[in-house]
Structures are given as C-alpha cells and as structure tokens.
Amino acid sequence: MRKRIVVICIISGWMLSCNRSEPPVIETGSLQPMPDEWIDQDTGYEIKRIVRRGGENRSFYFHNNPFIPQVKNEGDKMVFYGSDPRPVPEGSESRRPVMQLFTVNLKTLEIDQLTHHPFPMSGEIVGKKRREVFYQSRDSVFAVHAESHEVRLIYVFPDSLNGSVTTLNADETLLAGSYSDREKLELLRQFPRKGDYFTRIFEARIPHTLITIDIETRELKTIHSDTAWLNHIQFSPTDPDLLMFCHEGPWHLLDRIWTINIQTGDVQLMHKRTVYREIAGHEFFSKDGKTIWFDLQIPRGETFYLAGLDLTTGEEKRYGLKRDEWSIHFNISPDQKIFAGDGGDSSQVARAKDGMWLYLFTPGTDSLKSERIVNMKYHDYELEPNVHFSPDGRWVIFRANFKGAGSEVFAVEVK
C-alpha cells in the first residue's frame, strides 16, 4: 500500500510538471506587447513583467533604494511611479497624467496605489524602518505610509528658497537635499532639455547650498554652500552623518565626487583626476557603506573601469571593462559579490558598437568578467534602464520601453 501511494505521488507530480507551461523563448522586445514572462533567446535568462498595470510605469533611479522589507513572509515591496489612471482634470498644470506612487509585492505581484496627489510629484525616498515614502510636490515635502496610506506634511519651503530633498539618512531622522538661486529655475524653464541646460548651469556658477530637514522637528539646517552645482546627493546606508554629493556639470571639467560629515562640516574630495579629460561619476555606496563605487574613465571614452574607494583606508580598487561592457549605471548585489550594469547605445560616452545589453559582472583580480542577461536592442536608451538587485538577490529589476512602447518594469532572474 505504501509503495502504491509513493508511485501515485510520483505520477501525479510528473503529470503536473507536464501540464505546467514553460515561458516562450523570444527575442526580447521583438513583440508588442511582450508576454508577461519569457526567456531571452540570446541569453537564456528568464524575464518577467513585475508591474502588470496599464499606463506608464517607472522604477527608481539606480542608487535610490525602492524596497520596503517584508514583516514576516508576505513578500518584499518595491515602490515605483505609475501614471494616474484618472483622467487629467481641466486646468491641470500638464496635459499628461500625474505620476503617482505605487507598491508592487515582489512575491505576489499585487499592486497598491499609495498617492492620489493632484500636482506633479518628485522624489524617490523610501524609509525602510518607517515604512514611509517621502516625496515633494511644488514647495511641500510629504510622507505616505506604505500600508495605511496616511499622508503627512513634513516641510514647506519658503518662497525665498528653490529647495528640494533627495535622500534619507541611515537612522531615518533627517532628509537632505539642496537649494539654489532662482537663476537656475529660469535656465531650466528656458532650456528644458538636458543637452541644453546642463553646461549652461555649470558655467553660470549659481550658488547652491546643502541642507538637512529634521523629520520630527521640521527644522532646516544649512550645512555647506558653494558656487558649484551641487547634485546627486546621497546619504550613506549605514552612517547617519555621512552625506555624499557631487559637483555637477561636464565630468571631464571637474572633480565630481565629494562627502561631508554633517556633524563636523568636514568636506572631502573622493577622487582627484590625474590626466586631461579623466572622468569619474554615477557614484553609489556599497550596501555596507564602506565603499563608494563609480564609473571611471582614463581618459573619457577610452579606458573604462568600475572603481571603488575604501572609505576606511582611502585605497582605490579598479576593475577594467571592455568598451561594449561599459554601462550608464552599475549596481551591486545584496551580498556584494557581483555587479549589474544597464549597458548603453552608440550615442553614449563609450560609443559602444554592441553595448545594448544588461550585464552581470563578477570581479576578478583587476577586471570584471561579464555575462549578458538581457538583449536591449529594441529599447530606446533615452529612458535609462537603471538596474536594481531585488532584496533577495534573485532578480535584476529594470525599466524598458521595447519597440517604442511606454515605460514598463521588468525583472530578469539571476542564475
């Protein structure tokens, strides 16, 4: 009888596996729309659409944490922006729907809309402990709770400050950002395209000031001022007093990466250029906060590295890359053993002839071993993919607009 039960179980399991449909093998992006799940015919990696709703959907910028950890085993949540399903009201500031904040459960793919804000919003700031998402609309900073959806006002910038916030510190007590002279707003209004305003703002030497805002007391403090364009502001994921920022502008004309201790005011340059047209940028912290990683080219567009600066020793590690392997953005896995990159088209700084891929990178002695995981030939790189590893390290999450479709959010399974 016991043997008979075992045999029945084996046969039943075999029948179920036979009935389970396997994802189709397809050239990624070649169909419109793509199915919800498929296997990339060029790489063999499985890909799935993780945000399954209509309209525009965009995952966060590469160094902004989008994840809220699960409490038990219900599934981690990822925060993303999605177009409002409601029609645009008459008299709106824009004809386009406002992008609202949503979460998607990475285990169940259940979607939950967090905001119903009437005006355009910005900010990609997630408090993992508070389980709140911070955002800004016009002059006001808000927080919305990921479960209760309760919205609270954090701070209102006075008319005299053209201010914004972009990051939350490790103990989740302070927001940080900057304010600048109104001249910057006027340049952005006159020249809305990045290619038109980027160098103009850099050359204008507009005063900028780094700020913090206490979430509970709502006190604003100024911590550093410069005539350089201060941007890319990121708190360390582990040190609540360490803030990284950049001097923005054409990378080959400036020393970009800086840190400040917000308690002491100590400002330090993280990488000094050594040759003409050397560039370093798209910096981000390691998960343990001990290293700052960045794209390094010596000189620009010729020799490529992913470099890491040890914040304790000051030593710099460089991993070489081939031209086609260069990526607009890199990111690091939760266990800090591998990297991912989002590639780039031929118009980017590397001028890669075959760079439209998502990559996994494994560090060697002095170079990175690459593996292609998604073919991006049908993606328009005007929308940067901005790769993220999921909290369990199982998926690389990215955004794409295959064959001219609207932006969608996908994940590729990491083998």
Protein backbone atom coordinates (compact mmCIF):
# COMPACT_ATOMS: atom_id res chain seq x y z
CA MET A 1 0.00 0.00 0.00
CA ARG A 2 2.83 2.36 0.92
CA LYS A 3 4.66 1.68 -2.36
CA ARG A 4 1.42 2.28 -4.26
CA ILE A 5 0.95 5.71 -2.62
CA VAL A 6 4.54 6.67 -3.50
CA VAL A 7 4.03 5.61 -7.12
CA ILE A 8 0.77 7.60 -7.35
CA CYS A 9 2.51 10.69 -5.95
CA ILE A 10 5.37 10.39 -8.45
CA ILE A 11 2.98 10.01 -11.38
CA SER A 12 0.86 12.94 -10.18
CA GLY A 13 3.91 15.16 -9.86
CA TRP A 14 5.08 14.17 -13.34
CA MET A 15 1.65 14.97 -14.82
CA LEU A 16 1.59 18.37 -13.12
CA SER A 17 5.04 19.23 -14.46
CA CYS A 18 3.97 18.22 -17.95
CA ASN A 19 0.91 20.46 -17.75
CA ARG A 20 2.90 23.44 -16.44
CA SER A 21 3.52 25.81 -19.35
CA GLU A 22 7.10 26.93 -19.87
CA PRO A 23 7.79 30.57 -20.79
CA PRO A 24 8.27 31.01 -24.55
CA VAL A 25 11.73 31.63 -25.96
CA ILE A 26 11.57 35.02 -27.69
CA GLU A 27 13.89 37.78 -28.88
CA THR A 28 13.44 40.33 -26.11
CA GLY A 29 11.47 43.38 -27.22
CA SER A 30 10.60 41.96 -30.64
CA LEU A 31 6.86 41.71 -29.87
CA GLN A 32 4.46 44.44 -28.84
CA PRO A 33 3.37 43.77 -26.24
CA MET A 34 5.79 41.24 -24.82
CA PRO A 35 4.22 38.40 -22.80
CA ASP A 36 4.28 38.63 -19.01
CA GLU A 37 7.08 36.02 -18.89
CA TRP A 38 9.58 34.82 -21.47
CA ILE A 39 13.12 33.51 -21.96
CA ASP A 40 15.56 35.75 -23.79
CA GLN A 41 16.58 33.76 -26.86
CA ASP A 42 20.03 35.39 -26.93
CA THR A 43 20.99 34.89 -23.28
CA GLY A 44 18.79 32.04 -21.97
CA TYR A 45 17.74 34.15 -18.99
CA GLU A 46 14.12 34.25 -17.82
CA ILE A 47 12.41 37.66 -17.71
CA LYS A 48 9.07 38.69 -16.27
CA ARG A 49 6.99 41.84 -16.15
CA ILE A 50 6.66 42.67 -12.46
CA VAL A 51 4.38 45.71 -12.79
CA ARG A 52 1.25 44.48 -14.55
CA ARG A 53 -0.91 47.55 -14.97
CA GLY A 54 -1.63 49.91 -17.86
CA GLY A 55 -0.09 53.30 -18.48
CA GLU A 56 3.46 54.44 -17.79
CA ASN A 57 5.38 52.68 -15.01
CA ARG A 58 8.92 53.53 -13.91
CA SER A 59 11.24 52.00 -11.34
CA PHE A 60 13.55 54.27 -9.34
CA TYR A 61 16.90 55.78 -10.26
CA PHE A 62 19.71 53.29 -9.77
CA HIS A 63 21.09 54.49 -6.41
CA ASN A 64 17.72 55.21 -4.75
CA ASN A 65 16.53 52.30 -2.62
CA PRO A 66 12.96 51.37 -3.71
CA PHE A 67 12.40 48.42 -1.35
CA ILE A 68 10.36 48.01 1.84
CA PRO A 69 11.23 44.73 3.61
CA GLN A 70 8.60 42.13 4.41
CA VAL A 71 7.50 41.79 8.04
CA LYS A 72 7.09 38.01 8.01
CA ASN A 73 6.90 36.10 4.75
CA GLU A 74 4.34 38.13 2.86
CA GLY A 75 6.83 39.43 0.26
CA ASP A 76 9.07 42.48 -0.03
CA LYS A 77 7.51 45.55 -1.62
CA MET A 78 9.02 47.75 -4.31
CA VAL A 79 7.93 51.38 -4.67
CA PHE A 80 7.56 52.74 -8.20
CA TYR A 81 5.95 55.60 -10.12
CA GLY A 82 2.94 54.91 -12.31
CA SER A 83 0.65 57.15 -14.33
CA ASP A 84 -2.58 58.08 -12.61
CA PRO A 85 -5.50 56.06 -14.03
CA ARG A 86 -7.83 59.05 -13.58
CA PRO A 87 -8.35 61.50 -16.48
CA VAL A 88 -6.38 64.73 -16.37
CA PRO A 89 -8.59 67.39 -14.75
CA GLU A 90 -9.38 70.63 -16.55
CA GLY A 91 -6.97 73.44 -15.75
CA SER A 92 -4.20 70.99 -14.82
CA GLU A 93 -0.55 72.12 -15.00
CA SER A 94 0.12 69.43 -17.58
CA ARG A 95 -1.88 67.51 -20.15
CA ARG A 96 -0.15 64.34 -19.04
CA PRO A 97 -1.46 62.31 -16.06
CA VAL A 98 0.37 62.89 -12.78
CA MET A 99 2.76 60.07 -11.95
CA GLN A 100 1.60 58.59 -8.64
CA LEU A 101 3.44 56.35 -6.14
CA PHE A 102 2.58 52.65 -6.04
CA THR A 103 3.98 49.50 -4.48
CA VAL A 104 4.25 46.06 -6.02
CA ASN A 105 4.64 42.95 -3.86
CA LEU A 106 7.62 41.11 -5.36
CA LYS A 107 6.21 37.76 -4.23
CA THR A 108 2.57 38.09 -5.29
CA LEU A 109 2.87 40.99 -7.82
CA GLU A 110 -0.08 42.66 -6.06
CA ILE A 111 -0.15 46.41 -6.75
CA ASP A 112 -1.22 49.06 -4.27
CA GLN A 113 -1.63 52.77 -5.09
CA LEU A 114 -0.19 54.96 -2.31
CA THR A 115 -0.90 58.51 -3.51
CA HIS A 116 -3.66 60.40 -5.30
CA HIS A 117 -1.85 63.71 -5.44
CA PRO A 118 -3.29 66.40 -7.74
CA PHE A 119 0.01 68.05 -8.74
CA PRO A 120 3.29 66.76 -10.24
CA MET A 121 5.49 64.93 -7.75
CA SER A 122 9.19 64.19 -7.42
CA GLY A 123 11.42 62.32 -5.01
CA GLU A 124 12.40 58.66 -4.71
CA ILE A 125 12.99 58.32 -0.97
CA VAL A 126 11.95 55.21 0.95
CA GLY A 127 12.18 54.81 4.72
CA LYS A 128 12.55 51.07 5.26
CA LYS A 129 12.12 51.31 9.03
CA ARG A 130 9.40 53.95 8.99
CA ARG A 131 7.70 52.14 6.08
CA GLU A 132 7.08 55.54 4.56
CA VAL A 133 7.78 57.04 1.14
CA PHE A 134 8.84 60.69 1.00
CA TYR A 135 8.03 62.90 -1.97
CA GLN A 136 7.83 66.54 -2.95
CA SER A 137 5.17 68.49 -4.82
CA ARG A 138 5.82 72.15 -5.59
CA ASP A 139 7.25 73.64 -2.38
CA SER A 140 5.99 70.92 0.00
CA VAL A 141 7.53 67.66 1.24
CA PHE A 142 5.21 64.82 2.27
CA ALA A 143 5.41 61.27 3.58
CA VAL A 144 2.93 58.49 2.81
CA HIS A 145 2.77 55.23 4.81
CA ALA A 146 3.13 52.10 2.68
CA GLU A 147 0.33 50.20 4.45
CA SER A 148 -2.08 52.73 5.97
CA HIS A 149 -1.68 55.26 3.11
CA GLU A 150 -1.70 58.02 5.71
CA VAL A 151 -0.15 61.19 4.26
CA ARG A 152 1.56 63.77 6.43
CA LEU A 153 3.18 67.09 5.64
CA ILE A 154 6.86 67.21 6.57
CA TYR A 155 8.06 70.64 5.42
CA VAL A 156 7.12 73.63 3.25
CA PHE A 157 10.00 75.55 1.63
CA PRO A 158 9.65 79.34 1.92
CA ASP A 159 9.27 81.32 -1.31
CA SER A 160 12.84 82.55 -0.92
CA LEU A 161 14.30 79.01 -1.33
CA ASN A 162 14.29 76.98 -4.52
CA GLY A 163 14.72 73.80 -2.48
CA SER A 164 14.32 70.04 -2.86
CA VAL A 165 15.09 66.86 -0.93
CA THR A 166 16.55 63.67 -2.39
CA THR A 167 17.77 61.33 0.37
CA LEU A 168 17.13 59.96 3.88
CA ASN A 169 19.85 59.16 6.42
CA ALA A 170 20.56 55.72 7.89
CA ASP A 171 18.66 56.20 11.15
CA GLU A 172 15.79 57.84 9.24
CA THR A 173 15.77 61.08 11.21
CA LEU A 174 16.93 63.52 8.51
CA LEU A 175 16.15 64.30 4.91
CA ALA A 176 18.83 66.02 2.85
CA GLY A 177 18.83 68.00 -0.35
CA SER A 178 19.77 71.43 -1.60
CA TYR A 179 18.53 74.84 -2.59
CA SER A 180 19.80 77.20 -5.23
CA ASP A 181 19.39 80.69 -6.61
CA ARG A 182 16.29 81.37 -8.73
CA GLU A 183 18.57 81.81 -11.75
CA LYS A 184 18.72 78.03 -12.02
CA LEU A 185 14.93 77.78 -12.31
CA GLU A 186 14.95 80.32 -15.10
CA LEU A 187 17.62 78.38 -17.03
CA LEU A 188 15.59 75.18 -16.65
CA ARG A 189 12.48 77.00 -17.88
CA GLN A 190 14.26 78.43 -20.93
CA PHE A 191 16.17 75.23 -21.77
CA PRO A 192 14.12 72.19 -20.67
CA ARG A 193 16.29 69.60 -22.50
CA LYS A 194 19.26 68.25 -20.55
CA GLY A 195 21.55 68.73 -23.51
CA ASP A 196 20.67 72.43 -23.48
CA TYR A 197 20.71 73.29 -19.77
CA PHE A 198 23.49 71.03 -18.48
CA THR A 199 26.55 73.05 -19.47
CA ARG A 200 24.74 76.37 -19.00
CA ILE A 201 24.00 75.70 -15.32
CA PHE A 202 27.57 74.50 -14.76
CA GLU A 203 29.07 77.63 -16.34
CA ALA A 204 26.69 80.00 -14.55
CA ARG A 205 28.31 79.23 -11.16
CA ILE A 206 24.95 79.58 -9.42
CA PRO A 207 25.19 79.40 -5.61
CA HIS A 208 23.98 76.09 -4.16
CA THR A 209 23.57 75.06 -0.53
CA LEU A 210 23.26 71.58 1.01
CA ILE A 211 20.53 71.26 3.63
CA THR A 212 19.04 68.79 6.09
CA ILE A 213 15.48 68.71 7.41
CA ASP A 214 14.67 67.01 10.72
CA ILE A 215 11.62 64.82 10.09
CA GLU A 216 10.16 65.25 13.56
CA THR A 217 11.03 68.85 14.46
CA ARG A 218 10.86 70.10 10.83
CA GLU A 219 14.00 72.17 11.40
CA LEU A 220 16.00 73.07 8.29
CA LYS A 221 19.79 73.40 8.62
CA THR A 222 22.28 74.61 6.02
CA ILE A 223 25.45 72.50 6.07
CA HIS A 224 27.56 73.53 3.05
CA SER A 225 27.49 76.20 0.33
CA ASP A 226 29.38 76.51 -2.96
CA THR A 227 29.17 78.18 -6.34
CA ALA A 228 29.49 74.70 -7.84
CA TRP A 229 26.29 72.95 -8.94
CA LEU A 230 25.65 70.51 -6.05
CA ASN A 231 23.75 67.39 -7.11
CA HIS A 232 23.44 63.57 -6.81
CA ILE A 233 23.00 63.88 -3.03
CA GLN A 234 23.06 60.52 -1.17
CA PHE A 235 23.25 59.58 2.49
CA SER A 236 25.38 56.59 3.48
CA PRO A 237 23.20 53.48 4.06
CA THR A 238 24.95 52.84 7.40
CA ASP A 239 26.46 56.11 8.72
CA PRO A 240 23.70 58.64 9.52
CA ASP A 241 26.19 61.54 9.48
CA LEU A 242 27.87 60.85 6.13
CA LEU A 243 26.45 62.57 3.04
CA MET A 244 27.84 62.16 -0.47
CA PHE A 245 27.27 64.77 -3.18
CA CYS A 246 28.75 65.78 -6.50
CA HIS A 247 29.89 68.86 -8.33
CA GLU A 248 27.63 68.55 -11.37
CA GLY A 249 28.44 69.52 -14.93
CA PRO A 250 30.59 68.11 -17.77
CA TRP A 251 32.51 65.38 -15.91
CA HIS A 252 35.82 65.96 -17.71
CA LEU A 253 35.91 69.56 -16.44
CA LEU A 254 35.55 68.95 -12.72
CA ASP A 255 36.40 66.77 -9.72
CA ARG A 256 32.97 65.33 -9.11
CA ILE A 257 32.65 63.09 -6.03
CA TRP A 258 32.65 64.60 -2.51
CA THR A 259 31.48 63.73 1.00
CA ILE A 260 30.58 65.83 4.03
CA ASN A 261 30.21 64.87 7.67
CA ILE A 262 27.04 66.74 8.60
CA GLN A 263 28.09 66.98 12.27
CA THR A 264 31.60 68.37 11.78
CA GLY A 265 31.20 70.03 8.37
CA ASP A 266 34.32 68.21 7.13
CA VAL A 267 34.26 68.10 3.30
CA GLN A 268 36.48 65.66 1.39
CA LEU A 269 37.16 65.00 -2.29
CA MET A 270 36.81 61.27 -3.03
CA HIS A 271 38.65 61.02 -6.36
CA LYS A 272 41.13 63.50 -7.82
CA ARG A 273 41.54 63.48 -11.59
CA THR A 274 45.07 62.68 -12.74
CA VAL A 275 45.03 63.21 -16.53
CA TYR A 276 43.37 65.50 -19.06
CA ARG A 277 39.69 64.56 -19.71
CA GLU A 278 39.60 61.91 -16.99
CA ILE A 279 36.06 61.41 -15.65
CA ALA A 280 34.53 59.79 -12.57
CA GLY A 281 30.81 59.68 -11.85
CA HIS A 282 27.48 57.92 -11.29
CA GLU A 283 28.74 57.19 -7.81
CA PHE A 284 26.92 55.00 -5.29
CA PHE A 285 27.52 53.46 -1.86
CA SER A 286 28.12 49.77 -1.25
CA LYS A 287 25.45 48.02 0.81
CA ASP A 288 27.63 48.09 3.93
CA GLY A 289 28.52 51.76 3.43
CA LYS A 290 32.25 51.02 3.42
CA THR A 291 32.93 51.74 -0.27
CA ILE A 292 31.95 54.34 -2.85
CA TRP A 293 31.73 52.79 -6.33
CA PHE A 294 31.86 54.85 -9.52
CA ASP A 295 32.35 54.82 -13.28
CA LEU A 296 35.98 55.78 -14.01
CA GLN A 297 37.37 56.57 -17.46
CA ILE A 298 41.05 57.47 -18.00
CA PRO A 299 40.64 59.45 -20.20
CA ARG A 300 36.99 59.95 -21.14
CA GLY A 301 35.69 57.42 -23.65
CA GLU A 302 38.94 55.46 -23.95
CA THR A 303 39.78 53.26 -20.95
CA PHE A 304 36.96 52.03 -18.71
CA TYR A 305 36.83 50.90 -15.08
CA LEU A 306 34.40 50.28 -12.27
CA ALA A 307 36.28 51.78 -9.34
CA GLY A 308 35.70 51.50 -5.61
CA LEU A 309 37.10 53.79 -2.91
CA ASP A 310 37.52 52.22 0.55
CA LEU A 311 36.28 54.88 2.97
CA THR A 312 38.36 53.47 5.84
CA THR A 313 41.75 53.10 4.15
CA GLY A 314 41.40 55.56 1.27
CA GLU A 315 42.60 52.86 -1.13
CA GLU A 316 41.04 52.70 -4.60
CA LYS A 317 40.31 49.41 -6.41
CA ARG A 318 39.83 49.40 -10.19
CA TYR A 319 38.20 46.69 -12.29
CA GLY A 320 38.75 47.01 -16.03
CA LEU A 321 35.91 46.81 -18.56
CA LYS A 322 35.75 46.41 -22.31
CA ARG A 323 34.11 49.20 -24.30
CA ASP A 324 30.95 47.22 -25.07
CA GLU A 325 30.63 46.24 -21.39
CA TRP A 326 30.55 49.82 -20.13
CA SER A 327 27.20 50.72 -18.57
CA ILE A 328 25.46 54.01 -17.85
CA HIS A 329 24.83 52.78 -14.32
CA PHE A 330 26.20 49.94 -12.21
CA ASN A 331 24.75 48.40 -9.07
CA ILE A 332 25.86 45.84 -6.50
CA SER A 333 24.11 42.71 -5.21
CA PRO A 334 22.90 42.43 -1.59
CA ASP A 335 25.77 40.03 -0.77
CA GLN A 336 28.21 42.41 -2.55
CA LYS A 337 29.69 39.58 -4.64
CA ILE A 338 28.51 40.63 -8.12
CA PHE A 339 27.52 43.77 -10.01
CA ALA A 340 24.93 44.51 -12.66
CA GLY A 341 25.10 47.08 -15.45
CA ASP A 342 22.50 48.53 -17.80
CA GLY A 343 24.66 48.87 -20.91
CA GLY A 344 24.30 51.74 -23.37
CA ASP A 345 23.75 52.57 -27.03
CA SER A 346 26.25 54.01 -29.50
CA SER A 347 25.33 57.61 -28.61
CA GLN A 348 26.67 57.23 -25.06
CA VAL A 349 30.16 58.22 -23.90
CA ALA A 350 31.66 54.76 -24.61
CA ARG A 351 30.46 54.83 -28.25
CA ALA A 352 29.92 51.07 -27.94
CA LYS A 353 29.13 49.21 -31.15
CA ASP A 354 27.45 46.33 -29.30
CA GLY A 355 26.61 47.64 -25.85
CA MET A 356 22.81 47.33 -25.73
CA TRP A 357 22.66 44.59 -23.12
CA LEU A 358 22.04 44.18 -19.41
CA TYR A 359 25.08 42.60 -17.76
CA LEU A 360 26.15 40.66 -14.71
CA PHE A 361 29.75 41.27 -13.65
CA THR A 362 31.92 39.05 -11.44
CA PRO A 363 35.08 40.69 -10.06
CA GLY A 364 38.42 39.11 -10.91
CA THR A 365 41.86 40.28 -9.89
CA ASP A 366 41.83 43.53 -11.86
CA SER A 367 38.92 43.18 -14.29
CA LEU A 368 35.26 42.21 -14.40
CA LYS A 369 34.06 39.01 -16.04
CA SER A 370 30.83 39.87 -17.85
CA GLU A 371 27.73 37.89 -18.76
CA ARG A 372 24.91 39.22 -20.92
CA ILE A 373 21.50 38.65 -19.36
CA VAL A 374 19.04 40.73 -21.45
CA ASN A 375 19.20 41.86 -25.07
CA MET A 376 18.17 45.56 -25.13
CA LYS A 377 18.36 46.14 -28.90
CA TYR A 378 14.69 47.19 -29.05
CA HIS A 379 14.98 49.58 -26.10
CA ASP A 380 15.34 53.34 -26.54
CA TYR A 381 18.16 54.42 -24.21
CA GLU A 382 16.66 57.89 -23.86
CA LEU A 383 15.00 56.01 -20.98
CA GLU A 384 17.87 54.68 -18.88
CA PRO A 385 17.19 51.13 -17.55
CA ASN A 386 18.60 51.84 -14.04
CA VAL A 387 19.23 48.31 -12.73
CA HIS A 388 18.44 47.22 -9.15
CA PHE A 389 19.00 43.87 -7.44
CA SER A 390 15.95 42.59 -5.56
CA PRO A 391 16.46 42.29 -1.77
CA ASP A 392 16.93 38.51 -2.03
CA GLY A 393 19.45 38.92 -4.85
CA ARG A 394 17.37 36.69 -7.13
CA TRP A 395 16.31 39.29 -9.70
CA VAL A 396 17.77 42.27 -11.52
CA ILE A 397 14.96 44.79 -11.91
CA PHE A 398 14.97 47.33 -14.75
CA ARG A 399 12.72 49.58 -16.79
CA ALA A 400 12.34 49.46 -20.56
CA ASN A 401 10.26 50.78 -23.46
CA PHE A 402 10.63 47.98 -26.00
CA LYS A 403 9.67 48.90 -29.58
CA GLY A 404 8.60 52.39 -28.62
CA ALA A 405 6.05 51.28 -26.03
CA GLY A 406 5.56 53.19 -22.80
CA SER A 407 7.91 52.56 -19.90
CA GLU A 408 7.39 49.24 -18.10
CA VAL A 409 9.14 47.47 -15.22
CA PHE A 410 10.69 44.01 -15.69
CA ALA A 411 12.94 41.64 -13.78
CA VAL A 412 15.47 39.09 -15.04
CA GLU A 413 16.23 36.08 -12.87
CA VAL A 414 19.84 35.83 -11.77
CA LYS A 415 21.20 32.28 -12.10
